[in-house]
Amino acid sequence: MLCLVVYVVRVSSSAAVDARIGHCWARDERSTLQLSDDNGCSLQRVGEVWNEFQRNEQGTDIIFRNQIKAWAFPTSSDVSIFCNLHMCRFACRHLPCAGGERQRRDAATVVPADSFSAAQVLRTNYRVENGRKKQVT
């Protein structure tokens, strides 16, 4: 049986604020796995361990969605997933991902350091029991 996990991040926004998902990683008590780079591009494309977030706008909200197959570390059934959420004044630079690898960028796409606030870490926990995903709060 295939178990899908969907991560949804909803950001209440104003016209002068934008957001983007950056670096994501997973860990248990013993292991850490890098899921995406600083631009949100997946580093784990094989087996749908991690995909890029799809970004949509709904009214004044920004919604990020990522659907993957459920998985766990070999050493534990508990998985904690963390992502950096970058809040930007006006508009974030969303760099496209190419087949799981970051595309080269020119100097025009460099994001000024003062264009976004410090990253906010988002955390999600889940436990895989008997092949079924269970949300941990």
N, C-alpha and C. Protein backbone atom coordinates (compact mmCIF):
# COMPACT_ATOMS: atom_id res chain seq x y z
N MET A 1 0.84 -1.18 0.00
CA MET A 1 0.00 0.00 0.00
C MET A 1 0.89 1.25 0.00
N LEU A 2 0.60 2.19 -0.87
CA LEU A 2 1.35 3.43 -1.00
C LEU A 2 0.75 4.47 -0.07
N CYS A 3 1.56 5.07 0.76
CA CYS A 3 1.12 6.12 1.68
C CYS A 3 1.77 7.43 1.25
N LEU A 4 0.94 8.42 0.94
CA LEU A 4 1.45 9.72 0.53
C LEU A 4 1.40 10.68 1.71
N VAL A 5 2.38 11.54 1.78
CA VAL A 5 2.44 12.58 2.79
C VAL A 5 2.42 13.91 2.05
N VAL A 6 1.56 14.82 2.48
CA VAL A 6 1.47 16.13 1.85
C VAL A 6 1.82 17.18 2.91
N TYR A 7 2.81 18.00 2.60
CA TYR A 7 3.19 19.11 3.47
C TYR A 7 2.58 20.37 2.90
N VAL A 8 1.86 21.09 3.75
CA VAL A 8 1.24 22.34 3.32
C VAL A 8 1.69 23.44 4.27
N VAL A 9 2.20 24.52 3.70
CA VAL A 9 2.57 25.70 4.46
C VAL A 9 1.73 26.85 3.93
N ARG A 10 0.95 27.47 4.81
CA ARG A 10 0.10 28.60 4.42
C ARG A 10 0.64 29.85 5.11
N VAL A 11 0.93 30.87 4.32
CA VAL A 11 1.45 32.13 4.83
C VAL A 11 0.42 33.20 4.57
N SER A 12 -0.09 33.81 5.65
CA SER A 12 -0.99 34.95 5.48
C SER A 12 -0.12 36.14 5.10
N SER A 13 -0.48 36.77 4.02
CA SER A 13 0.41 37.76 3.41
C SER A 13 -0.31 39.08 3.21
N SER A 14 0.47 40.11 2.97
CA SER A 14 -0.06 41.39 2.51
C SER A 14 0.56 41.66 1.15
N ALA A 15 0.11 42.67 0.49
CA ALA A 15 0.61 42.98 -0.85
C ALA A 15 2.11 43.29 -0.84
N ALA A 16 2.64 43.72 0.30
CA ALA A 16 4.05 44.11 0.38
C ALA A 16 4.95 43.00 0.90
N VAL A 17 4.43 41.78 1.04
CA VAL A 17 5.22 40.68 1.59
C VAL A 17 5.12 39.47 0.67
N ASP A 18 6.24 38.77 0.50
CA ASP A 18 6.28 37.53 -0.28
C ASP A 18 7.00 36.49 0.58
N ALA A 19 7.00 35.25 0.15
CA ALA A 19 7.66 34.19 0.90
C ALA A 19 8.19 33.14 -0.05
N ARG A 20 9.19 32.40 0.41
CA ARG A 20 9.70 31.26 -0.34
C ARG A 20 10.23 30.22 0.64
N ILE A 21 10.16 28.97 0.23
CA ILE A 21 10.72 27.88 1.03
C ILE A 21 12.19 27.73 0.64
N GLY A 22 13.05 27.61 1.62
CA GLY A 22 14.47 27.43 1.37
C GLY A 22 14.93 26.02 1.71
N HIS A 23 16.00 25.94 2.45
CA HIS A 23 16.64 24.68 2.84
C HIS A 23 15.70 23.83 3.71
N CYS A 24 15.57 22.54 3.38
CA CYS A 24 14.80 21.59 4.19
C CYS A 24 15.69 20.40 4.53
N TRP A 25 15.46 19.81 5.70
CA TRP A 25 16.21 18.64 6.12
C TRP A 25 15.33 17.77 7.02
N ALA A 26 15.71 16.51 7.15
CA ALA A 26 14.99 15.57 8.01
C ALA A 26 15.98 14.95 8.97
N ARG A 27 15.48 14.57 10.15
CA ARG A 27 16.37 13.89 11.08
C ARG A 27 15.57 13.02 12.05
N ASP A 28 16.27 12.05 12.60
CA ASP A 28 15.77 11.27 13.71
C ASP A 28 16.81 11.38 14.82
N GLU A 29 16.79 10.47 15.78
CA GLU A 29 17.74 10.57 16.90
C GLU A 29 19.19 10.39 16.45
N ARG A 30 19.42 9.70 15.32
CA ARG A 30 20.78 9.36 14.91
C ARG A 30 21.22 9.94 13.58
N SER A 31 20.30 10.27 12.71
CA SER A 31 20.65 10.61 11.33
C SER A 31 20.06 11.95 10.91
N THR A 32 20.71 12.57 9.93
CA THR A 32 20.21 13.78 9.30
C THR A 32 20.30 13.60 7.80
N LEU A 33 19.27 14.00 7.08
CA LEU A 33 19.24 13.90 5.62
C LEU A 33 18.89 15.26 5.05
N GLN A 34 19.76 15.80 4.18
CA GLN A 34 19.49 17.07 3.51
C GLN A 34 18.45 16.83 2.42
N LEU A 35 17.32 17.55 2.48
CA LEU A 35 16.23 17.35 1.53
C LEU A 35 16.26 18.34 0.38
N SER A 36 16.60 19.61 0.68
CA SER A 36 16.65 20.61 -0.38
C SER A 36 17.75 21.62 -0.09
N ASP A 37 18.16 22.33 -1.14
CA ASP A 37 19.20 23.34 -0.97
C ASP A 37 18.57 24.66 -0.50
N ASP A 38 19.38 25.71 -0.43
CA ASP A 38 18.89 27.00 0.07
C ASP A 38 17.82 27.63 -0.82
N ASN A 39 17.72 27.17 -2.06
CA ASN A 39 16.69 27.68 -2.97
C ASN A 39 15.44 26.81 -2.98
N GLY A 40 15.40 25.78 -2.15
CA GLY A 40 14.24 24.89 -2.11
C GLY A 40 14.27 23.80 -3.17
N CYS A 41 15.38 23.66 -3.89
CA CYS A 41 15.49 22.63 -4.93
C CYS A 41 15.84 21.29 -4.29
N SER A 42 15.11 20.26 -4.64
CA SER A 42 15.28 18.95 -4.03
C SER A 42 16.68 18.39 -4.26
N LEU A 43 17.23 17.82 -3.20
CA LEU A 43 18.50 17.10 -3.28
C LEU A 43 18.25 15.59 -3.25
N GLN A 44 16.98 15.19 -3.12
CA GLN A 44 16.61 13.78 -2.96
C GLN A 44 15.51 13.41 -3.95
N ARG A 45 15.80 13.43 -5.22
CA ARG A 45 14.79 13.17 -6.25
C ARG A 45 14.46 11.69 -6.41
N VAL A 46 15.41 10.80 -6.17
CA VAL A 46 15.20 9.37 -6.40
C VAL A 46 14.18 8.84 -5.39
N GLY A 47 13.16 8.14 -5.88
CA GLY A 47 12.16 7.54 -5.01
C GLY A 47 11.18 8.51 -4.39
N GLU A 48 11.12 9.72 -4.90
CA GLU A 48 10.22 10.75 -4.38
C GLU A 48 10.39 10.96 -2.88
N VAL A 49 11.65 10.92 -2.41
CA VAL A 49 11.93 11.20 -1.01
C VAL A 49 11.56 12.65 -0.70
N TRP A 50 11.86 13.56 -1.64
CA TRP A 50 11.53 14.98 -1.46
C TRP A 50 11.37 15.63 -2.82
N ASN A 51 10.33 16.42 -2.99
CA ASN A 51 10.08 17.15 -4.23
C ASN A 51 10.15 18.65 -3.95
N GLU A 52 10.13 19.46 -4.98
CA GLU A 52 10.06 20.89 -4.78
C GLU A 52 8.63 21.26 -4.35
N PHE A 53 8.51 22.29 -3.52
CA PHE A 53 7.20 22.80 -3.13
C PHE A 53 6.55 23.48 -4.33
N GLN A 54 5.27 23.26 -4.49
CA GLN A 54 4.48 23.98 -5.49
C GLN A 54 3.89 25.20 -4.79
N ARG A 55 4.00 26.35 -5.41
CA ARG A 55 3.54 27.61 -4.80
C ARG A 55 2.28 28.08 -5.49
N ASN A 56 1.26 28.41 -4.70
CA ASN A 56 0.01 28.97 -5.23
C ASN A 56 -0.41 30.13 -4.35
N GLU A 57 -1.20 31.02 -4.91
CA GLU A 57 -1.76 32.11 -4.13
C GLU A 57 -3.26 31.94 -4.07
N GLN A 58 -3.81 32.19 -2.88
CA GLN A 58 -5.25 32.07 -2.67
C GLN A 58 -5.67 33.29 -1.87
N GLY A 59 -6.28 34.25 -2.54
CA GLY A 59 -6.59 35.51 -1.88
C GLY A 59 -5.29 36.20 -1.50
N THR A 60 -5.16 36.53 -0.20
CA THR A 60 -3.92 37.15 0.27
C THR A 60 -2.95 36.13 0.86
N ASP A 61 -3.32 34.84 0.82
CA ASP A 61 -2.45 33.79 1.36
C ASP A 61 -1.53 33.22 0.28
N ILE A 62 -0.35 32.82 0.70
CA ILE A 62 0.57 32.08 -0.16
C ILE A 62 0.59 30.65 0.38
N ILE A 63 0.38 29.68 -0.50
CA ILE A 63 0.30 28.29 -0.08
C ILE A 63 1.39 27.49 -0.78
N PHE A 64 2.21 26.79 0.01
CA PHE A 64 3.25 25.91 -0.51
C PHE A 64 2.81 24.48 -0.23
N ARG A 65 2.96 23.60 -1.22
CA ARG A 65 2.51 22.22 -1.10
C ARG A 65 3.58 21.28 -1.66
N ASN A 66 3.88 20.22 -0.91
CA ASN A 66 4.86 19.23 -1.34
C ASN A 66 4.29 17.85 -1.03
N GLN A 67 4.17 17.00 -2.04
CA GLN A 67 3.63 15.66 -1.87
C GLN A 67 4.73 14.63 -2.12
N ILE A 68 4.93 13.73 -1.15
CA ILE A 68 5.97 12.71 -1.26
C ILE A 68 5.40 11.36 -0.83
N LYS A 69 6.15 10.31 -1.08
CA LYS A 69 5.83 8.99 -0.53
C LYS A 69 6.34 8.96 0.91
N ALA A 70 5.58 8.30 1.79
CA ALA A 70 6.02 8.19 3.19
C ALA A 70 7.30 7.36 3.25
N TRP A 71 8.22 7.74 4.11
CA TRP A 71 9.47 7.02 4.29
C TRP A 71 9.94 7.23 5.73
N ALA A 72 10.89 6.43 6.14
CA ALA A 72 11.48 6.56 7.47
C ALA A 72 12.96 6.19 7.38
N PHE A 73 13.72 6.61 8.38
CA PHE A 73 15.12 6.23 8.46
C PHE A 73 15.21 4.76 8.86
N PRO A 74 16.27 4.07 8.44
CA PRO A 74 16.42 2.66 8.84
C PRO A 74 16.59 2.49 10.35
N THR A 75 17.06 3.54 11.02
CA THR A 75 17.34 3.45 12.46
C THR A 75 16.16 3.84 13.34
N SER A 76 15.07 4.37 12.76
CA SER A 76 13.96 4.85 13.57
C SER A 76 12.72 5.03 12.71
N SER A 77 11.55 4.93 13.34
CA SER A 77 10.31 5.22 12.60
C SER A 77 9.85 6.65 12.83
N ASP A 78 10.56 7.41 13.68
CA ASP A 78 10.25 8.82 13.92
C ASP A 78 11.07 9.69 12.97
N VAL A 79 10.41 10.59 12.28
CA VAL A 79 11.09 11.50 11.37
C VAL A 79 10.64 12.92 11.69
N SER A 80 11.59 13.82 11.88
CA SER A 80 11.29 15.25 12.04
C SER A 80 11.78 15.95 10.79
N ILE A 81 10.91 16.76 10.19
CA ILE A 81 11.27 17.48 8.98
C ILE A 81 11.23 18.98 9.28
N PHE A 82 12.29 19.66 8.85
CA PHE A 82 12.43 21.09 9.08
C PHE A 82 12.62 21.80 7.74
N CYS A 83 12.06 22.99 7.62
CA CYS A 83 12.28 23.83 6.43
C CYS A 83 12.45 25.27 6.87
N ASN A 84 13.30 25.99 6.16
CA ASN A 84 13.44 27.43 6.37
C ASN A 84 12.42 28.14 5.50
N LEU A 85 11.67 29.04 6.10
CA LEU A 85 10.71 29.87 5.38
C LEU A 85 11.28 31.28 5.35
N HIS A 86 11.51 31.80 4.16
CA HIS A 86 12.05 33.15 4.00
C HIS A 86 10.91 34.11 3.68
N MET A 87 10.78 35.16 4.48
CA MET A 87 9.80 36.21 4.24
C MET A 87 10.54 37.37 3.59
N CYS A 88 10.00 37.88 2.49
CA CYS A 88 10.67 38.93 1.72
C CYS A 88 9.79 40.18 1.64
N ARG A 89 10.44 41.31 1.64
CA ARG A 89 9.72 42.55 1.37
C ARG A 89 9.43 42.62 -0.12
N PHE A 90 8.22 42.88 -0.47
CA PHE A 90 7.76 43.02 -1.86
C PHE A 90 7.79 41.69 -2.61
N ALA A 91 8.93 41.24 -3.12
CA ALA A 91 8.95 39.99 -3.90
C ALA A 91 10.24 39.22 -3.66
N CYS A 92 10.10 37.90 -3.47
CA CYS A 92 11.26 37.02 -3.35
C CYS A 92 11.71 36.61 -4.75
N ARG A 93 12.97 36.32 -4.88
CA ARG A 93 13.49 35.74 -6.13
C ARG A 93 13.27 34.23 -6.05
N HIS A 94 12.45 33.71 -6.94
CA HIS A 94 12.18 32.27 -6.98
C HIS A 94 13.01 31.69 -8.12
N LEU A 95 14.10 31.04 -7.78
CA LEU A 95 14.98 30.47 -8.80
C LEU A 95 14.46 29.10 -9.21
N PRO A 96 14.32 28.84 -10.50
CA PRO A 96 13.81 27.54 -10.94
C PRO A 96 14.82 26.43 -10.68
N CYS A 97 14.29 25.25 -10.41
CA CYS A 97 15.13 24.06 -10.21
C CYS A 97 15.12 23.28 -11.52
N ALA A 98 16.24 22.65 -11.82
CA ALA A 98 16.33 21.88 -13.07
C ALA A 98 16.71 20.45 -12.74
N GLY A 99 15.73 19.55 -12.76
CA GLY A 99 16.00 18.13 -12.57
C GLY A 99 16.70 17.82 -11.26
N GLY A 100 16.34 18.55 -10.20
CA GLY A 100 16.95 18.29 -8.91
C GLY A 100 18.27 19.02 -8.70
N GLU A 101 18.76 19.71 -9.73
CA GLU A 101 20.00 20.47 -9.58
C GLU A 101 19.69 21.95 -9.75
N ARG A 102 20.38 22.77 -8.98
CA ARG A 102 20.20 24.20 -9.10
C ARG A 102 20.69 24.69 -10.44
N GLN A 103 19.93 25.57 -11.04
CA GLN A 103 20.39 26.17 -12.29
C GLN A 103 21.39 27.26 -11.98
N ARG A 104 22.30 27.49 -12.91
CA ARG A 104 23.23 28.61 -12.75
C ARG A 104 22.44 29.91 -12.84
N ARG A 105 22.91 30.91 -12.13
CA ARG A 105 22.23 32.19 -12.19
C ARG A 105 23.23 33.27 -12.53
N ASP A 106 22.73 34.34 -13.12
CA ASP A 106 23.63 35.44 -13.42
C ASP A 106 23.54 36.47 -12.29
N ALA A 107 24.37 37.48 -12.35
CA ALA A 107 24.43 38.47 -11.28
C ALA A 107 23.11 39.19 -11.08
N ALA A 108 22.27 39.25 -12.09
CA ALA A 108 20.99 39.95 -11.97
C ALA A 108 20.02 39.24 -11.04
N THR A 109 20.23 37.96 -10.75
CA THR A 109 19.29 37.24 -9.89
C THR A 109 19.77 37.11 -8.45
N VAL A 110 20.85 37.78 -8.08
CA VAL A 110 21.33 37.72 -6.71
C VAL A 110 20.35 38.49 -5.82
N VAL A 111 19.97 37.87 -4.70
CA VAL A 111 19.01 38.48 -3.79
C VAL A 111 19.76 39.31 -2.76
N PRO A 112 19.44 40.60 -2.64
CA PRO A 112 20.11 41.42 -1.63
C PRO A 112 19.83 40.88 -0.23
N ALA A 113 20.84 40.93 0.65
CA ALA A 113 20.71 40.36 1.99
C ALA A 113 19.59 41.01 2.79
N ASP A 114 19.29 42.28 2.55
CA ASP A 114 18.26 42.94 3.34
C ASP A 114 16.86 42.78 2.75
N SER A 115 16.70 41.95 1.72
CA SER A 115 15.38 41.81 1.10
C SER A 115 14.50 40.77 1.79
N PHE A 116 15.06 40.04 2.76
CA PHE A 116 14.23 39.08 3.48
C PHE A 116 14.65 39.02 4.94
N SER A 117 13.72 38.59 5.77
CA SER A 117 14.01 38.47 7.19
C SER A 117 14.76 37.18 7.45
N ALA A 118 15.18 36.99 8.68
CA ALA A 118 15.83 35.74 9.05
C ALA A 118 14.87 34.58 8.78
N ALA A 119 15.41 33.45 8.41
CA ALA A 119 14.58 32.28 8.10
C ALA A 119 13.83 31.82 9.33
N GLN A 120 12.59 31.42 9.14
CA GLN A 120 11.78 30.83 10.20
C GLN A 120 11.79 29.32 9.97
N VAL A 121 12.12 28.55 10.99
CA VAL A 121 12.18 27.10 10.83
C VAL A 121 10.79 26.51 11.05
N LEU A 122 10.33 25.74 10.08
CA LEU A 122 9.07 25.03 10.18
C LEU A 122 9.39 23.59 10.51
N ARG A 123 8.62 22.98 11.40
CA ARG A 123 8.91 21.62 11.82
C ARG A 123 7.66 20.75 11.70
N THR A 124 7.85 19.55 11.18
CA THR A 124 6.78 18.57 11.09
C THR A 124 7.32 17.24 11.59
N ASN A 125 6.58 16.57 12.41
CA ASN A 125 6.96 15.24 12.89
C ASN A 125 5.95 14.22 12.42
N TYR A 126 6.43 13.06 12.07
CA TYR A 126 5.53 11.94 11.85
C TYR A 126 6.22 10.64 12.19
N ARG A 127 5.45 9.63 12.47
CA ARG A 127 5.97 8.30 12.81
C ARG A 127 5.31 7.30 11.88
N VAL A 128 6.09 6.38 11.35
CA VAL A 128 5.56 5.33 10.49
C VAL A 128 5.36 4.09 11.35
N GLU A 129 4.11 3.65 11.46
CA GLU A 129 3.78 2.46 12.24
C GLU A 129 3.00 1.49 11.37
N ASN A 130 3.50 0.28 11.27
CA ASN A 130 2.81 -0.75 10.48
C ASN A 130 2.47 -0.26 9.07
N GLY A 131 3.37 0.50 8.47
CA GLY A 131 3.16 0.97 7.11
C GLY A 131 2.21 2.14 6.98
N ARG A 132 1.74 2.70 8.10
CA ARG A 132 0.82 3.85 8.04
C ARG A 132 1.46 5.05 8.72
N LYS A 133 1.22 6.21 8.15
CA LYS A 133 1.77 7.44 8.71
C LYS A 133 0.90 7.90 9.87
N LYS A 134 1.54 8.36 10.95
CA LYS A 134 0.82 8.90 12.10
C LYS A 134 1.42 10.25 12.42
N GLN A 135 0.60 11.29 12.49
CA GLN A 135 1.05 12.64 12.81
C GLN A 135 1.45 12.71 14.28
N VAL A 136 2.57 13.31 14.58
CA VAL A 136 3.03 13.50 15.95
C VAL A 136 2.97 14.98 16.24
N THR A 137 2.36 15.37 17.33
CA THR A 137 2.26 16.79 17.66
C THR A 137 3.19 17.19 18.77
